[in-house]
């Protein structure tokens, strides 16, 4: 598995036990997403265009 550098969501409260998402964009043509509470758990791999569309949908009023 590539060496993803995960970053916690800026919307994360940072408190223990909270549901947080971590995202890695350091590998070309790849966006990796994981649950911060399960750093050794599964990683979802997404195409950057799909990730950008997902984020755009979240920002829509």
PDB file of N, CA and C in Angstrom:
ATOM      1  N   UNK A   1       0.854  -1.183   0.000  1.00  0.00           N
ATOM      2  CA  UNK A   1       0.000   0.000   0.000  1.00  0.00           C
ATOM      3  C   UNK A   1       0.894   1.239   0.000  1.00  0.00           C
ATOM      4  N   UNK A   2       0.510   2.245  -0.771  1.00  0.00           N
ATOM      5  CA  UNK A   2       1.297   3.484  -0.794  1.00  0.00           C
ATOM      6  C   UNK A   2       1.353   4.129   0.589  1.00  0.00           C
ATOM      7  N   UNK A   3       2.322   4.996   0.772  1.00  0.00           N
ATOM      8  CA  UNK A   3       2.484   5.698   2.046  1.00  0.00           C
ATOM      9  C   UNK A   3       1.597   6.933   2.065  1.00  0.00           C
ATOM     10  N   UNK A   4       0.338   6.724   2.381  1.00  0.00           N
ATOM     11  CA  UNK A   4      -0.588   7.848   2.449  1.00  0.00           C
ATOM     12  C   UNK A   4      -0.253   8.725   3.649  1.00  0.00           C
ATOM     13  N   UNK A   5      -0.346  10.039   3.469  1.00  0.00           N
ATOM     14  CA  UNK A   5      -0.200  10.992   4.569  1.00  0.00           C
ATOM     15  C   UNK A   5      -1.586  11.556   4.851  1.00  0.00           C
ATOM     16  N   UNK A   6      -2.239  10.979   5.840  1.00  0.00           N
ATOM     17  CA  UNK A   6      -3.602  11.357   6.163  1.00  0.00           C
ATOM     18  C   UNK A   6      -3.647  12.634   6.988  1.00  0.00           C
ATOM     19  N   UNK A   7      -4.659  13.446   6.709  1.00  0.00           N
ATOM     20  CA  UNK A   7      -4.904  14.690   7.427  1.00  0.00           C
ATOM     21  C   UNK A   7      -6.338  14.634   7.936  1.00  0.00           C
ATOM     22  N   UNK A   8      -6.513  14.975   9.195  1.00  0.00           N
ATOM     23  CA  UNK A   8      -7.855  14.969   9.774  1.00  0.00           C
ATOM     24  C   UNK A   8      -8.671  16.144   9.238  1.00  0.00           C
ATOM     25  N   UNK A   9      -9.945  15.929   9.082  1.00  0.00           N
ATOM     26  CA  UNK A   9     -10.849  16.961   8.596  1.00  0.00           C
ATOM     27  C   UNK A   9     -10.757  18.212   9.458  1.00  0.00           C
ATOM     28  N   UNK A  10     -10.841  19.377   8.815  1.00  0.00           N
ATOM     29  CA  UNK A  10     -10.826  20.636   9.562  1.00  0.00           C
ATOM     30  C   UNK A  10     -12.114  20.811  10.363  1.00  0.00           C
ATOM     31  N   UNK A  11     -13.141  20.029  10.046  1.00  0.00           N
ATOM     32  CA  UNK A  11     -14.400  20.081  10.787  1.00  0.00           C
ATOM     33  C   UNK A  11     -14.390  19.164  12.001  1.00  0.00           C
ATOM     34  N   UNK A  12     -13.311  18.443  12.213  1.00  0.00           N
ATOM     35  CA  UNK A  12     -13.204  17.532  13.342  1.00  0.00           C
ATOM     36  C   UNK A  12     -13.030  18.318  14.634  1.00  0.00           C
ATOM     37  N   UNK A  13     -13.750  17.891  15.658  1.00  0.00           N
ATOM     38  CA  UNK A  13     -13.612  18.532  16.958  1.00  0.00           C
ATOM     39  C   UNK A  13     -12.349  18.113  17.680  1.00  0.00           C
ATOM     40  N   UNK A  14     -11.789  16.966  17.292  1.00  0.00           N
ATOM     41  CA  UNK A  14     -10.555  16.504  17.898  1.00  0.00           C
ATOM     42  C   UNK A  14     -10.717  15.812  19.232  1.00  0.00           C
ATOM     43  N   UNK A  15     -11.947  15.653  19.716  1.00  0.00           N
ATOM     44  CA  UNK A  15     -12.156  14.978  20.989  1.00  0.00           C
ATOM     45  C   UNK A  15     -12.153  13.463  20.801  1.00  0.00           C
ATOM     46  N   UNK A  16     -11.651  12.761  21.785  1.00  0.00           N
ATOM     47  CA  UNK A  16     -11.597  11.301  21.718  1.00  0.00           C
ATOM     48  C   UNK A  16     -12.997  10.741  21.510  1.00  0.00           C
ATOM     49  N   UNK A  17     -13.095   9.754  20.623  1.00  0.00           N
ATOM     50  CA  UNK A  17     -14.363   9.092  20.388  1.00  0.00           C
ATOM     51  C   UNK A  17     -15.253   9.746  19.353  1.00  0.00           C
ATOM     52  N   UNK A  18     -14.857  10.932  18.868  1.00  0.00           N
ATOM     53  CA  UNK A  18     -15.670  11.580  17.846  1.00  0.00           C
ATOM     54  C   UNK A  18     -15.486  10.889  16.510  1.00  0.00           C
ATOM     55  N   UNK A  19     -16.516  10.971  15.676  1.00  0.00           N
ATOM     56  CA  UNK A  19     -16.434  10.403  14.341  1.00  0.00           C
ATOM     57  C   UNK A  19     -15.724  11.404  13.439  1.00  0.00           C
ATOM     58  N   UNK A  20     -14.555  11.044  12.955  1.00  0.00           N
ATOM     59  CA  UNK A  20     -13.752  11.939  12.137  1.00  0.00           C
ATOM     60  C   UNK A  20     -13.290  11.225  10.874  1.00  0.00           C
ATOM     61  N   UNK A  21     -13.114  12.002   9.841  1.00  0.00           N
ATOM     62  CA  UNK A  21     -12.621  11.490   8.573  1.00  0.00           C
ATOM     63  C   UNK A  21     -11.222  12.032   8.348  1.00  0.00           C
ATOM     64  N   UNK A  22     -10.345  11.178   7.829  1.00  0.00           N
ATOM     65  CA  UNK A  22      -9.018  11.612   7.442  1.00  0.00           C
ATOM     66  C   UNK A  22      -8.873  11.389   5.941  1.00  0.00           C
ATOM     67  N   UNK A  23      -8.223  12.339   5.285  1.00  0.00           N
ATOM     68  CA  UNK A  23      -8.067  12.286   3.836  1.00  0.00           C
ATOM     69  C   UNK A  23      -6.593  12.426   3.481  1.00  0.00           C
ATOM     70  N   UNK A  24      -6.152  11.644   2.498  1.00  0.00           N
ATOM     71  CA  UNK A  24      -4.783  11.740   1.990  1.00  0.00           C
ATOM     72  C   UNK A  24      -4.847  12.046   0.498  1.00  0.00           C
ATOM     73  N   UNK A  25      -4.100  13.071   0.087  1.00  0.00           N
ATOM     74  CA  UNK A  25      -4.071  13.445  -1.334  1.00  0.00           C
ATOM     75  C   UNK A  25      -2.634  13.519  -1.839  1.00  0.00           C
ATOM     76  N   UNK A  26      -1.712  12.859  -1.148  1.00  0.00           N
ATOM     77  CA  UNK A  26      -0.301  12.963  -1.513  1.00  0.00           C
ATOM     78  C   UNK A  26       0.134  11.996  -2.614  1.00  0.00           C
ATOM     79  N   UNK A  27      -0.729  11.085  -3.037  1.00  0.00           N
ATOM     80  CA  UNK A  27      -0.413  10.152  -4.104  1.00  0.00           C
ATOM     81  C   UNK A  27      -1.114  10.655  -5.380  1.00  0.00           C
ATOM     82  N   UNK A  28      -0.385  10.824  -6.478  1.00  0.00           N
ATOM     83  CA  UNK A  28      -1.001  11.350  -7.700  1.00  0.00           C
ATOM     84  C   UNK A  28      -2.215  10.517  -8.144  1.00  0.00           C
ATOM     85  N   UNK A  29      -3.235  11.210  -8.601  1.00  0.00           N
ATOM     86  CA  UNK A  29      -4.457  10.594  -9.148  1.00  0.00           C
ATOM     87  C   UNK A  29      -5.199   9.726  -8.139  1.00  0.00           C
ATOM     88  N   UNK A  30      -5.018  10.001  -6.847  1.00  0.00           N
ATOM     89  CA  UNK A  30      -5.650   9.191  -5.806  1.00  0.00           C
ATOM     90  C   UNK A  30      -6.063  10.059  -4.630  1.00  0.00           C
ATOM     91  N   UNK A  31      -7.251   9.794  -4.119  1.00  0.00           N
ATOM     92  CA  UNK A  31      -7.691  10.369  -2.848  1.00  0.00           C
ATOM     93  C   UNK A  31      -8.031   9.181  -1.956  1.00  0.00           C
ATOM     94  N   UNK A  32      -7.423   9.125  -0.789  1.00  0.00           N
ATOM     95  CA  UNK A  32      -7.673   8.039   0.158  1.00  0.00           C
ATOM     96  C   UNK A  32      -8.417   8.606   1.367  1.00  0.00           C
ATOM     97  N   UNK A  33      -9.431   7.869   1.829  1.00  0.00           N
ATOM     98  CA  UNK A  33     -10.250   8.311   2.952  1.00  0.00           C
ATOM     99  C   UNK A  33     -10.328   7.182   3.966  1.00  0.00           C
ATOM    100  N   UNK A  34     -10.221   7.536   5.254  1.00  0.00           N
ATOM    101  CA  UNK A  34     -10.348   6.521   6.306  1.00  0.00           C
ATOM    102  C   UNK A  34     -10.998   7.125   7.541  1.00  0.00           C
ATOM    103  N   UNK A  35     -11.419   6.257   8.436  1.00  0.00           N
ATOM    104  CA  UNK A  35     -11.989   6.638   9.725  1.00  0.00           C
ATOM    105  C   UNK A  35     -10.825   6.868  10.684  1.00  0.00           C
ATOM    106  N   UNK A  36     -10.769   8.026  11.313  1.00  0.00           N
ATOM    107  CA  UNK A  36      -9.641   8.341  12.200  1.00  0.00           C
ATOM    108  C   UNK A  36      -9.566   7.421  13.409  1.00  0.00           C
ATOM    109  N   UNK A  37     -10.700   6.833  13.787  1.00  0.00           N
ATOM    110  CA  UNK A  37     -10.684   5.922  14.940  1.00  0.00           C
ATOM    111  C   UNK A  37     -10.130   4.542  14.573  1.00  0.00           C
ATOM    112  N   UNK A  38      -9.993   4.269  13.274  1.00  0.00           N
ATOM    113  CA  UNK A  38      -9.500   2.965  12.815  1.00  0.00           C
ATOM    114  C   UNK A  38      -8.353   3.165  11.827  1.00  0.00           C
ATOM    115  N   UNK A  39      -7.222   3.701  12.287  1.00  0.00           N
ATOM    116  CA  UNK A  39      -6.128   4.014  11.361  1.00  0.00           C
ATOM    117  C   UNK A  39      -5.553   2.796  10.637  1.00  0.00           C
ATOM    118  N   UNK A  40      -5.747   1.609  11.177  1.00  0.00           N
ATOM    119  CA  UNK A  40      -5.272   0.408  10.491  1.00  0.00           C
ATOM    120  C   UNK A  40      -6.410  -0.305   9.768  1.00  0.00           C
ATOM    121  N   UNK A  41      -7.587   0.301   9.795  1.00  0.00           N
ATOM    122  CA  UNK A  41      -8.755  -0.286   9.150  1.00  0.00           C
ATOM    123  C   UNK A  41      -8.765  -0.027   7.657  1.00  0.00           C
ATOM    124  N   UNK A  42      -9.908  -0.237   7.033  1.00  0.00           N
ATOM    125  CA  UNK A  42     -10.009  -0.081   5.577  1.00  0.00           C
ATOM    126  C   UNK A  42      -9.812   1.360   5.123  1.00  0.00           C
ATOM    127  N   UNK A  43      -9.322   1.478   3.905  1.00  0.00           N
ATOM    128  CA  UNK A  43      -9.109   2.778   3.267  1.00  0.00           C
ATOM    129  C   UNK A  43      -9.919   2.788   1.981  1.00  0.00           C
ATOM    130  N   UNK A  44     -10.704   3.823   1.803  1.00  0.00           N
ATOM    131  CA  UNK A  44     -11.488   4.004   0.589  1.00  0.00           C
ATOM    132  C   UNK A  44     -10.659   4.820  -0.399  1.00  0.00           C
ATOM    133  N   UNK A  45     -10.455   4.280  -1.603  1.00  0.00           N
ATOM    134  CA  UNK A  45      -9.682   4.960  -2.633  1.00  0.00           C
ATOM    135  C   UNK A  45     -10.663   5.544  -3.650  1.00  0.00           C
ATOM    136  N   UNK A  46     -10.521   6.843  -3.916  1.00  0.00           N
ATOM    137  CA  UNK A  46     -11.458   7.561  -4.770  1.00  0.00           C
ATOM    138  C   UNK A  46     -10.679   8.347  -5.824  1.00  0.00           C
ATOM    139  N   UNK A  47     -11.245   8.426  -7.017  1.00  0.00           N
ATOM    140  CA  UNK A  47     -10.647   9.271  -8.062  1.00  0.00           C
ATOM    141  C   UNK A  47     -10.788  10.737  -7.650  1.00  0.00           C
ATOM    142  N   UNK A  48      -9.783  11.549  -7.916  1.00  0.00           N
ATOM    143  CA  UNK A  48      -9.864  12.967  -7.536  1.00  0.00           C
ATOM    144  C   UNK A  48     -11.091  13.682  -8.103  1.00  0.00           C
ATOM    145  N   UNK A  49     -11.505  13.364  -9.322  1.00  0.00           N
ATOM    146  CA  UNK A  49     -12.683  14.024  -9.896  1.00  0.00           C
ATOM    147  C   UNK A  49     -13.940  13.669  -9.109  1.00  0.00           C
ATOM    148  N   UNK A  50     -14.048  12.429  -8.668  1.00  0.00           N
ATOM    149  CA  UNK A  50     -15.198  12.009  -7.866  1.00  0.00           C
ATOM    150  C   UNK A  50     -15.167  12.693  -6.500  1.00  0.00           C
ATOM    151  N   UNK A  51     -13.998  12.814  -5.900  1.00  0.00           N
ATOM    152  CA  UNK A  51     -13.864  13.477  -4.599  1.00  0.00           C
ATOM    153  C   UNK A  51     -14.243  14.956  -4.705  1.00  0.00           C
ATOM    154  N   UNK A  52     -13.770  15.602  -5.768  1.00  0.00           N
ATOM    155  CA  UNK A  52     -14.091  17.018  -5.968  1.00  0.00           C
ATOM    156  C   UNK A  52     -15.599  17.215  -6.153  1.00  0.00           C
ATOM    157  N   UNK A  53     -16.237  16.318  -6.899  1.00  0.00           N
ATOM    158  CA  UNK A  53     -17.692  16.395  -7.094  1.00  0.00           C
ATOM    159  C   UNK A  53     -18.423  16.177  -5.770  1.00  0.00           C
ATOM    160  N   UNK A  54     -17.953  15.236  -4.972  1.00  0.00           N
ATOM    161  CA  UNK A  54     -18.542  14.971  -3.660  1.00  0.00           C
ATOM    162  C   UNK A  54     -18.461  16.214  -2.776  1.00  0.00           C
ATOM    163  N   UNK A  55     -17.293  16.843  -2.737  1.00  0.00           N
ATOM    164  CA  UNK A  55     -17.127  18.049  -1.931  1.00  0.00           C
ATOM    165  C   UNK A  55     -18.009  19.187  -2.440  1.00  0.00           C
ATOM    166  N   UNK A  56     -18.131  19.326  -3.743  1.00  0.00           N
ATOM    167  CA  UNK A  56     -18.980  20.370  -4.320  1.00  0.00           C
ATOM    168  C   UNK A  56     -20.434  20.150  -3.911  1.00  0.00           C
ATOM    169  N   UNK A  57     -20.886  18.893  -3.896  1.00  0.00           N
ATOM    170  CA  UNK A  57     -22.251  18.587  -3.471  1.00  0.00           C
ATOM    171  C   UNK A  57     -22.452  18.945  -2.003  1.00  0.00           C
ATOM    172  N   UNK A  58     -21.459  18.725  -1.171  1.00  0.00           N
ATOM    173  CA  UNK A  58     -21.571  19.057   0.246  1.00  0.00           C
ATOM    174  C   UNK A  58     -21.695  20.564   0.474  1.00  0.00           C
ATOM    175  N   UNK A  59     -21.082  21.343  -0.387  1.00  0.00           N
ATOM    176  CA  UNK A  59     -21.076  22.799  -0.235  1.00  0.00           C
ATOM    177  C   UNK A  59     -22.350  23.456  -0.773  1.00  0.00           C
ATOM    178  N   UNK A  60     -23.107  22.723  -1.554  1.00  0.00           N
ATOM    179  CA  UNK A  60     -24.326  23.297  -2.145  1.00  0.00           C
ATOM    180  C   UNK A  60     -25.362  23.584  -1.075  1.00  0.00           C
ATOM    181  N   UNK A  61     -26.018  24.749  -1.165  1.00  0.00           N
ATOM    182  CA  UNK A  61     -27.054  25.103  -0.165  1.00  0.00           C
ATOM    183  C   UNK A  61     -28.306  24.259  -0.321  1.00  0.00           C
TER     184      UNK A  61
END
